[in-house]
Amino acid sequence: MPPKVLILDASERAALAFIRSLGSKGIEITAADSTKLTTGHLSKYTKKYLTYPSPEKSWNKFIKYCLLYTSDAADELDGVDLGGRRII
């Protein structure tokens, strides 16, 4: 199974660069943003796309959404790597 990566702020050009770079190496990309349609969403390397609550409007809803997503992903795997912190 290929490694999976969640890229936030998929509307940013830097996020698109990450998506293209990692996707071209066979890494499965989930792109996410608070906007429904972004350049990251349209990339040929994006396998899944998520729309999360705007952290600018509701930080608590954003955090809860991210924690829910990562815990759901952890149910599918042995754990989820969050920047060096592994959630099991």
PDB file of N, CA and C in Angstrom:
ATOM      1  N   MET A   1       0.852  -1.172   0.000  1.00  0.00           N
ATOM      2  CA  MET A   1       0.000   0.000   0.000  1.00  0.00           C
ATOM      3  C   MET A   1       0.906   1.246   0.000  1.00  0.00           C
ATOM      4  N   PRO A   2       0.639   2.203  -0.906  1.00  0.00           N
ATOM      5  CA  PRO A   2       1.481   3.404  -0.962  1.00  0.00           C
ATOM      6  C   PRO A   2       1.256   4.294   0.254  1.00  0.00           C
ATOM      7  N   PRO A   3       2.262   5.088   0.623  1.00  0.00           N
ATOM      8  CA  PRO A   3       2.071   6.038   1.717  1.00  0.00           C
ATOM      9  C   PRO A   3       0.984   7.050   1.364  1.00  0.00           C
ATOM     10  N   LYS A   4       0.320   7.577   2.401  1.00  0.00           N
ATOM     11  CA  LYS A   4      -0.739   8.558   2.194  1.00  0.00           C
ATOM     12  C   LYS A   4      -0.366   9.859   2.889  1.00  0.00           C
ATOM     13  N   VAL A   5      -0.716  10.978   2.247  1.00  0.00           N
ATOM     14  CA  VAL A   5      -0.407  12.296   2.800  1.00  0.00           C
ATOM     15  C   VAL A   5      -1.641  13.180   2.691  1.00  0.00           C
ATOM     16  N   LEU A   6      -1.901  13.931   3.753  1.00  0.00           N
ATOM     17  CA  LEU A   6      -2.959  14.938   3.762  1.00  0.00           C
ATOM     18  C   LEU A   6      -2.314  16.302   3.596  1.00  0.00           C
ATOM     19  N   ILE A   7      -2.686  17.015   2.536  1.00  0.00           N
ATOM     20  CA  ILE A   7      -2.172  18.364   2.265  1.00  0.00           C
ATOM     21  C   ILE A   7      -3.282  19.360   2.567  1.00  0.00           C
ATOM     22  N   LEU A   8      -3.043  20.255   3.536  1.00  0.00           N
ATOM     23  CA  LEU A   8      -3.999  21.309   3.870  1.00  0.00           C
ATOM     24  C   LEU A   8      -3.741  22.544   3.018  1.00  0.00           C
ATOM     25  N   ASP A   9      -4.687  23.463   3.009  1.00  0.00           N
ATOM     26  CA  ASP A   9      -4.585  24.708   2.225  1.00  0.00           C
ATOM     27  C   ASP A   9      -4.306  24.421   0.754  1.00  0.00           C
ATOM     28  N   ALA A  10      -5.097  23.524   0.180  1.00  0.00           N
ATOM     29  CA  ALA A  10      -4.892  23.077  -1.199  1.00  0.00           C
ATOM     30  C   ALA A  10      -5.067  24.190  -2.230  1.00  0.00           C
ATOM     31  N   SER A  11      -5.576  25.339  -1.803  1.00  0.00           N
ATOM     32  CA  SER A  11      -5.725  26.460  -2.735  1.00  0.00           C
ATOM     33  C   SER A  11      -4.419  27.234  -2.926  1.00  0.00           C
ATOM     34  N   GLU A  12      -3.430  26.967  -2.094  1.00  0.00           N
ATOM     35  CA  GLU A  12      -2.149  27.681  -2.174  1.00  0.00           C
ATOM     36  C   GLU A  12      -1.241  27.053  -3.229  1.00  0.00           C
ATOM     37  N   ARG A  13      -0.436  27.892  -3.882  1.00  0.00           N
ATOM     38  CA  ARG A  13       0.480  27.373  -4.903  1.00  0.00           C
ATOM     39  C   ARG A  13       1.512  26.415  -4.317  1.00  0.00           C
ATOM     40  N   ALA A  14       1.964  26.700  -3.101  1.00  0.00           N
ATOM     41  CA  ALA A  14       2.936  25.805  -2.461  1.00  0.00           C
ATOM     42  C   ALA A  14       2.327  24.418  -2.238  1.00  0.00           C
ATOM     43  N   ALA A  15       1.041  24.374  -1.866  1.00  0.00           N
ATOM     44  CA  ALA A  15       0.372  23.087  -1.676  1.00  0.00           C
ATOM     45  C   ALA A  15       0.323  22.315  -2.989  1.00  0.00           C
ATOM     46  N   LEU A  16       0.037  23.004  -4.081  1.00  0.00           N
ATOM     47  CA  LEU A  16       0.006  22.347  -5.392  1.00  0.00           C
ATOM     48  C   LEU A  16       1.384  21.779  -5.740  1.00  0.00           C
ATOM     49  N   ALA A  17       2.432  22.513  -5.407  1.00  0.00           N
ATOM     50  CA  ALA A  17       3.796  22.018  -5.660  1.00  0.00           C
ATOM     51  C   ALA A  17       4.059  20.741  -4.862  1.00  0.00           C
ATOM     52  N   PHE A  18       3.630  20.708  -3.594  1.00  0.00           N
ATOM     53  CA  PHE A  18       3.769  19.500  -2.783  1.00  0.00           C
ATOM     54  C   PHE A  18       2.971  18.352  -3.379  1.00  0.00           C
ATOM     55  N   ILE A  19       1.742  18.639  -3.793  1.00  0.00           N
ATOM     56  CA  ILE A  19       0.885  17.606  -4.373  1.00  0.00           C
ATOM     57  C   ILE A  19       1.543  16.996  -5.606  1.00  0.00           C
ATOM     58  N   ARG A  20       2.047  17.840  -6.470  1.00  0.00           N
ATOM     59  CA  ARG A  20       2.699  17.345  -7.704  1.00  0.00           C
ATOM     60  C   ARG A  20       3.965  16.559  -7.400  1.00  0.00           C
ATOM     61  N   SER A  21       4.771  17.078  -6.493  1.00  0.00           N
ATOM     62  CA  SER A  21       6.036  16.422  -6.170  1.00  0.00           C
ATOM     63  C   SER A  21       5.810  15.062  -5.520  1.00  0.00           C
ATOM     64  N   LEU A  22       4.983  15.020  -4.497  1.00  0.00           N
ATOM     65  CA  LEU A  22       4.738  13.764  -3.797  1.00  0.00           C
ATOM     66  C   LEU A  22       3.931  12.794  -4.647  1.00  0.00           C
ATOM     67  N   GLY A  23       2.938  13.302  -5.361  1.00  0.00           N
ATOM     68  CA  GLY A  23       2.122  12.453  -6.218  1.00  0.00           C
ATOM     69  C   GLY A  23       2.922  11.782  -7.318  1.00  0.00           C
ATOM     70  N   SER A  24       3.893  12.493  -7.858  1.00  0.00           N
ATOM     71  CA  SER A  24       4.721  11.922  -8.932  1.00  0.00           C
ATOM     72  C   SER A  24       5.618  10.799  -8.418  1.00  0.00           C
ATOM     73  N   LYS A  25       5.778  10.724  -7.105  1.00  0.00           N
ATOM     74  CA  LYS A  25       6.572   9.654  -6.491  1.00  0.00           C
ATOM     75  C   LYS A  25       5.700   8.491  -6.026  1.00  0.00           C
ATOM     76  N   GLY A  26       4.408   8.533  -6.375  1.00  0.00           N
ATOM     77  CA  GLY A  26       3.513   7.428  -6.057  1.00  0.00           C
ATOM     78  C   GLY A  26       2.835   7.524  -4.699  1.00  0.00           C
ATOM     79  N   ILE A  27       2.956   8.661  -4.030  1.00  0.00           N
ATOM     80  CA  ILE A  27       2.323   8.848  -2.734  1.00  0.00           C
ATOM     81  C   ILE A  27       0.864   9.242  -2.960  1.00  0.00           C
ATOM     82  N   GLU A  28      -0.043   8.618  -2.217  1.00  0.00           N
ATOM     83  CA  GLU A  28      -1.470   8.920  -2.363  1.00  0.00           C
ATOM     84  C   GLU A  28      -1.793  10.229  -1.653  1.00  0.00           C
ATOM     85  N   ILE A  29      -2.379  11.166  -2.386  1.00  0.00           N
ATOM     86  CA  ILE A  29      -2.621  12.513  -1.885  1.00  0.00           C
ATOM     87  C   ILE A  29      -4.101  12.731  -1.580  1.00  0.00           C
ATOM     88  N   THR A  30      -4.366  13.240  -0.384  1.00  0.00           N
ATOM     89  CA  THR A  30      -5.662  13.796  -0.041  1.00  0.00           C
ATOM     90  C   THR A  30      -5.453  15.286   0.124  1.00  0.00           C
ATOM     91  N   ALA A  31      -6.100  16.071  -0.694  1.00  0.00           N
ATOM     92  CA  ALA A  31      -5.986  17.533  -0.634  1.00  0.00           C
ATOM     93  C   ALA A  31      -7.194  18.077   0.107  1.00  0.00           C
ATOM     94  N   ALA A  32      -6.964  19.098   0.935  1.00  0.00           N
ATOM     95  CA  ALA A  32      -8.054  19.657   1.729  1.00  0.00           C
ATOM     96  C   ALA A  32      -7.945  21.173   1.796  1.00  0.00           C
ATOM     97  N   ASP A  33      -9.098  21.805   1.852  1.00  0.00           N
ATOM     98  CA  ASP A  33      -9.147  23.263   1.958  1.00  0.00           C
ATOM     99  C   ASP A  33     -10.524  23.661   2.478  1.00  0.00           C
ATOM    100  N   SER A  34     -10.653  24.890   2.905  1.00  0.00           N
ATOM    101  CA  SER A  34     -11.962  25.373   3.352  1.00  0.00           C
ATOM    102  C   SER A  34     -12.816  25.836   2.175  1.00  0.00           C
ATOM    103  N   THR A  35     -12.210  25.903   1.001  1.00  0.00           N
ATOM    104  CA  THR A  35     -12.904  26.260  -0.235  1.00  0.00           C
ATOM    105  C   THR A  35     -13.196  24.975  -1.011  1.00  0.00           C
ATOM    106  N   LYS A  36     -14.357  24.901  -1.631  1.00  0.00           N
ATOM    107  CA  LYS A  36     -14.765  23.654  -2.293  1.00  0.00           C
ATOM    108  C   LYS A  36     -13.987  23.306  -3.553  1.00  0.00           C
ATOM    109  N   LEU A  37     -13.593  24.270  -4.331  1.00  0.00           N
ATOM    110  CA  LEU A  37     -12.900  23.971  -5.582  1.00  0.00           C
ATOM    111  C   LEU A  37     -11.592  24.747  -5.631  1.00  0.00           C
ATOM    112  N   THR A  38     -10.486  24.017  -5.661  1.00  0.00           N
ATOM    113  CA  THR A  38      -9.162  24.652  -5.677  1.00  0.00           C
ATOM    114  C   THR A  38      -8.282  23.983  -6.725  1.00  0.00           C
ATOM    115  N   THR A  39      -7.116  24.571  -6.960  1.00  0.00           N
ATOM    116  CA  THR A  39      -6.172  23.967  -7.901  1.00  0.00           C
ATOM    117  C   THR A  39      -5.683  22.614  -7.392  1.00  0.00           C
ATOM    118  N   GLY A  40      -5.527  22.488  -6.066  1.00  0.00           N
ATOM    119  CA  GLY A  40      -5.119  21.203  -5.501  1.00  0.00           C
ATOM    120  C   GLY A  40      -6.145  20.116  -5.760  1.00  0.00           C
ATOM    121  N   HIS A  41      -7.409  20.497  -5.758  1.00  0.00           N
ATOM    122  CA  HIS A  41      -8.498  19.562  -6.038  1.00  0.00           C
ATOM    123  C   HIS A  41      -8.418  19.056  -7.483  1.00  0.00           C
ATOM    124  N   LEU A  42      -7.982  19.912  -8.367  1.00  0.00           N
ATOM    125  CA  LEU A  42      -7.969  19.577  -9.795  1.00  0.00           C
ATOM    126  C   LEU A  42      -6.726  18.816 -10.246  1.00  0.00           C
ATOM    127  N   SER A  43      -5.736  18.698  -9.389  1.00  0.00           N
ATOM    128  CA  SER A  43      -4.498  18.013  -9.766  1.00  0.00           C
ATOM    129  C   SER A  43      -4.768  16.546 -10.090  1.00  0.00           C
ATOM    130  N   LYS A  44      -4.071  16.044 -11.077  1.00  0.00           N
ATOM    131  CA  LYS A  44      -4.232  14.632 -11.441  1.00  0.00           C
ATOM    132  C   LYS A  44      -3.709  13.692 -10.355  1.00  0.00           C
ATOM    133  N   TYR A  45      -2.919  14.215  -9.435  1.00  0.00           N
ATOM    134  CA  TYR A  45      -2.371  13.392  -8.360  1.00  0.00           C
ATOM    135  C   TYR A  45      -3.273  13.314  -7.131  1.00  0.00           C
ATOM    136  N   THR A  46      -4.279  14.138  -7.065  1.00  0.00           N
ATOM    137  CA  THR A  46      -5.172  14.142  -5.907  1.00  0.00           C
ATOM    138  C   THR A  46      -6.155  12.974  -6.008  1.00  0.00           C
ATOM    139  N   LYS A  47      -6.090  12.078  -5.016  1.00  0.00           N
ATOM    140  CA  LYS A  47      -6.987  10.917  -4.994  1.00  0.00           C
ATOM    141  C   LYS A  47      -8.286  11.229  -4.256  1.00  0.00           C
ATOM    142  N   LYS A  48      -8.199  12.028  -3.173  1.00  0.00           N
ATOM    143  CA  LYS A  48      -9.372  12.417  -2.390  1.00  0.00           C
ATOM    144  C   LYS A  48      -9.300  13.916  -2.146  1.00  0.00           C
ATOM    145  N   TYR A  49     -10.472  14.506  -1.949  1.00  0.00           N
ATOM    146  CA  TYR A  49     -10.526  15.926  -1.625  1.00  0.00           C
ATOM    147  C   TYR A  49     -11.499  16.153  -0.481  1.00  0.00           C
ATOM    148  N   LEU A  50     -11.060  16.917   0.501  1.00  0.00           N
ATOM    149  CA  LEU A  50     -11.898  17.229   1.660  1.00  0.00           C
ATOM    150  C   LEU A  50     -12.114  18.732   1.754  1.00  0.00           C
ATOM    151  N   THR A  51     -13.275  19.113   2.208  1.00  0.00           N
ATOM    152  CA  THR A  51     -13.557  20.515   2.505  1.00  0.00           C
ATOM    153  C   THR A  51     -13.767  20.625   4.001  1.00  0.00           C
ATOM    154  N   TYR A  52     -12.866  21.327   4.662  1.00  0.00           N
ATOM    155  CA  TYR A  52     -12.957  21.477   6.111  1.00  0.00           C
ATOM    156  C   TYR A  52     -13.522  22.835   6.486  1.00  0.00           C
ATOM    157  N   PRO A  53     -14.033  22.974   7.725  1.00  0.00           N
ATOM    158  CA  PRO A  53     -14.538  24.280   8.172  1.00  0.00           C
ATOM    159  C   PRO A  53     -13.410  25.304   8.202  1.00  0.00           C
ATOM    160  N   SER A  54     -13.714  26.521   7.857  1.00  0.00           N
ATOM    161  CA  SER A  54     -12.704  27.569   7.824  1.00  0.00           C
ATOM    162  C   SER A  54     -12.117  27.806   9.220  1.00  0.00           C
ATOM    163  N   PRO A  55     -10.793  27.679   9.364  1.00  0.00           N
ATOM    164  CA  PRO A  55     -10.190  27.950  10.668  1.00  0.00           C
ATOM    165  C   PRO A  55     -10.303  29.426  11.054  1.00  0.00           C
ATOM    166  N   GLU A  56     -10.467  30.291  10.072  1.00  0.00           N
ATOM    167  CA  GLU A  56     -10.629  31.716  10.357  1.00  0.00           C
ATOM    168  C   GLU A  56     -11.996  32.003  10.975  1.00  0.00           C
ATOM    169  N   LYS A  57     -12.993  31.208  10.611  1.00  0.00           N
ATOM    170  CA  LYS A  57     -14.350  31.416  11.135  1.00  0.00           C
ATOM    171  C   LYS A  57     -14.589  30.639  12.429  1.00  0.00           C
ATOM    172  N   SER A  58     -14.071  29.432  12.502  1.00  0.00           N
ATOM    173  CA  SER A  58     -14.282  28.614  13.700  1.00  0.00           C
ATOM    174  C   SER A  58     -13.100  27.671  13.889  1.00  0.00           C
ATOM    175  N   TRP A  59     -12.157  28.110  14.700  1.00  0.00           N
ATOM    176  CA  TRP A  59     -10.959  27.320  14.964  1.00  0.00           C
ATOM    177  C   TRP A  59     -11.330  25.971  15.586  1.00  0.00           C
ATOM    178  N   ASN A  60     -12.287  25.970  16.507  1.00  0.00           N
ATOM    179  CA  ASN A  60     -12.680  24.725  17.174  1.00  0.00           C
ATOM    180  C   ASN A  60     -13.261  23.703  16.205  1.00  0.00           C
ATOM    181  N   LYS A  61     -14.110  24.141  15.289  1.00  0.00           N
ATOM    182  CA  LYS A  61     -14.686  23.222  14.299  1.00  0.00           C
ATOM    183  C   LYS A  61     -13.591  22.659  13.390  1.00  0.00           C
ATOM    184  N   PHE A  62     -12.643  23.510  13.013  1.00  0.00           N
ATOM    185  CA  PHE A  62     -11.531  23.072  12.170  1.00  0.00           C
ATOM    186  C   PHE A  62     -10.707  21.991  12.874  1.00  0.00           C
ATOM    187  N   ILE A  63     -10.345  22.222  14.124  1.00  0.00           N
ATOM    188  CA  ILE A  63      -9.554  21.256  14.883  1.00  0.00           C
ATOM    189  C   ILE A  63     -10.319  19.942  15.048  1.00  0.00           C
ATOM    190  N   LYS A  64     -11.590  20.029  15.390  1.00  0.00           N
ATOM    191  CA  LYS A  64     -12.403  18.817  15.546  1.00  0.00           C
ATOM    192  C   LYS A  64     -12.469  18.030  14.239  1.00  0.00           C
ATOM    193  N   TYR A  65     -12.616  18.732  13.114  1.00  0.00           N
ATOM    194  CA  TYR A  65     -12.677  18.070  11.815  1.00  0.00           C
ATOM    195  C   TYR A  65     -11.360  17.344  11.527  1.00  0.00           C
ATOM    196  N   CYS A  66     -10.258  18.027  11.752  1.00  0.00           N
ATOM    197  CA  CYS A  66      -8.943  17.416  11.488  1.00  0.00           C
ATOM    198  C   CYS A  66      -8.712  16.207  12.380  1.00  0.00           C
ATOM    199  N   LEU A  67      -9.076  16.317  13.655  1.00  0.00           N
ATOM    200  CA  LEU A  67      -8.916  15.179  14.559  1.00  0.00           C
ATOM    201  C   LEU A  67      -9.813  14.023  14.159  1.00  0.00           C
ATOM    202  N   LEU A  68     -11.028  14.319  13.740  1.00  0.00           N
ATOM    203  CA  LEU A  68     -11.941  13.274  13.280  1.00  0.00           C
ATOM    204  C   LEU A  68     -11.383  12.593  12.034  1.00  0.00           C
ATOM    205  N   TYR A  69     -10.876  13.379  11.083  1.00  0.00           N
ATOM    206  CA  TYR A  69     -10.315  12.799   9.855  1.00  0.00           C
ATOM    207  C   TYR A  69      -9.136  11.892  10.179  1.00  0.00           C
ATOM    208  N   THR A  70      -8.230  12.366  11.018  1.00  0.00           N
ATOM    209  CA  THR A  70      -7.047  11.557  11.313  1.00  0.00           C
ATOM    210  C   THR A  70      -7.402  10.323  12.126  1.00  0.00           C
ATOM    211  N   SER A  71      -8.402  10.412  13.001  1.00  0.00           N
ATOM    212  CA  SER A  71      -8.798   9.220  13.758  1.00  0.00           C
ATOM    213  C   SER A  71      -9.490   8.207  12.850  1.00  0.00           C
ATOM    214  N   ASP A  72     -10.265   8.679  11.877  1.00  0.00           N
ATOM    215  CA  ASP A  72     -10.869   7.767  10.892  1.00  0.00           C
ATOM    216  C   ASP A  72      -9.787   7.097  10.063  1.00  0.00           C
ATOM    217  N   ALA A  73      -8.770   7.851   9.681  1.00  0.00           N
ATOM    218  CA  ALA A  73      -7.666   7.280   8.911  1.00  0.00           C
ATOM    219  C   ALA A  73      -6.909   6.268   9.758  1.00  0.00           C
ATOM    220  N   ALA A  74      -6.768   6.544  11.042  1.00  0.00           N
ATOM    221  CA  ALA A  74      -6.069   5.618  11.938  1.00  0.00           C
ATOM    222  C   ALA A  74      -6.822   4.299  12.056  1.00  0.00           C
ATOM    223  N   ASP A  75      -8.144   4.331  11.938  1.00  0.00           N
ATOM    224  CA  ASP A  75      -8.926   3.099  11.979  1.00  0.00           C
ATOM    225  C   ASP A  75      -8.603   2.197  10.793  1.00  0.00           C
ATOM    226  N   GLU A  76      -8.225   2.818   9.673  1.00  0.00           N
ATOM    227  CA  GLU A  76      -7.912   2.049   8.468  1.00  0.00           C
ATOM    228  C   GLU A  76      -6.494   1.483   8.509  1.00  0.00           C
ATOM    229  N   LEU A  77      -5.603   2.124   9.243  1.00  0.00           N
ATOM    230  CA  LEU A  77      -4.193   1.741   9.264  1.00  0.00           C
ATOM    231  C   LEU A  77      -3.771   1.433  10.696  1.00  0.00           C
ATOM    232  N   ASP A  78      -2.480   1.204  10.860  1.00  0.00           N
ATOM    233  CA  ASP A  78      -1.939   1.014  12.205  1.00  0.00           C
ATOM    234  C   ASP A  78      -1.831   2.337  12.946  1.00  0.00           C
ATOM    235  N   GLY A  79      -1.795   3.449  12.237  1.00  0.00           N
ATOM    236  CA  GLY A  79      -1.655   4.761  12.859  1.00  0.00           C
ATOM    237  C   GLY A  79      -1.536   5.814  11.793  1.00  0.00           C
ATOM    238  N   VAL A  80      -1.454   7.056  12.240  1.00  0.00           N
ATOM    239  CA  VAL A  80      -1.351   8.190  11.333  1.00  0.00           C
ATOM    240  C   VAL A  80      -0.176   9.036  11.777  1.00  0.00           C
ATOM    241  N   ASP A  81       0.683   9.408  10.844  1.00  0.00           N
ATOM    242  CA  ASP A  81       1.845  10.228  11.156  1.00  0.00           C
ATOM    243  C   ASP A  81       1.481  11.691  10.960  1.00  0.00           C
ATOM    244  N   LEU A  82       1.509  12.463  12.018  1.00  0.00           N
ATOM    245  CA  LEU A  82       1.211  13.891  11.957  1.00  0.00           C
ATOM    246  C   LEU A  82       2.482  14.677  12.233  1.00  0.00           C
ATOM    247  N   GLY A  83       3.320  14.825  11.230  1.00  0.00           N
ATOM    248  CA  GLY A  83       4.532  15.606  11.389  1.00  0.00           C
ATOM    249  C   GLY A  83       5.447  15.089  12.479  1.00  0.00           C
ATOM    250  N   GLY A  84       5.683  13.819  12.505  1.00  0.00           N
ATOM    251  CA  GLY A  84       6.565  13.240  13.503  1.00  0.00           C
ATOM    252  C   GLY A  84       5.844  12.684  14.721  1.00  0.00           C
ATOM    253  N   ARG A  85       4.575  13.012  14.876  1.00  0.00           N
ATOM    254  CA  ARG A  85       3.781  12.478  15.985  1.00  0.00           C
ATOM    255  C   ARG A  85       2.870  11.397  15.429  1.00  0.00           C
ATOM    256  N   ARG A  86       2.963  10.237  15.954  1.00  0.00           N
ATOM    257  CA  ARG A  86       2.155   9.124  15.455  1.00  0.00           C
ATOM    258  C   ARG A  86       0.941   8.932  16.343  1.00  0.00           C
ATOM    259  N   ILE A  87      -0.229   8.944  15.744  1.00  0.00           N
ATOM    260  CA  ILE A  87      -1.469   8.681  16.473  1.00  0.00           C
ATOM    261  C   ILE A  87      -1.845   7.242  16.217  1.00  0.00           C
ATOM    262  N   ILE A  88      -2.070   6.506  17.268  1.00  0.00           N
ATOM    263  CA  ILE A  88      -2.416   5.078  17.131  1.00  0.00           C
ATOM    264  C   ILE A  88      -3.800   4.833  17.672  1.00  0.00           C
TER     265      ILE A  88
END
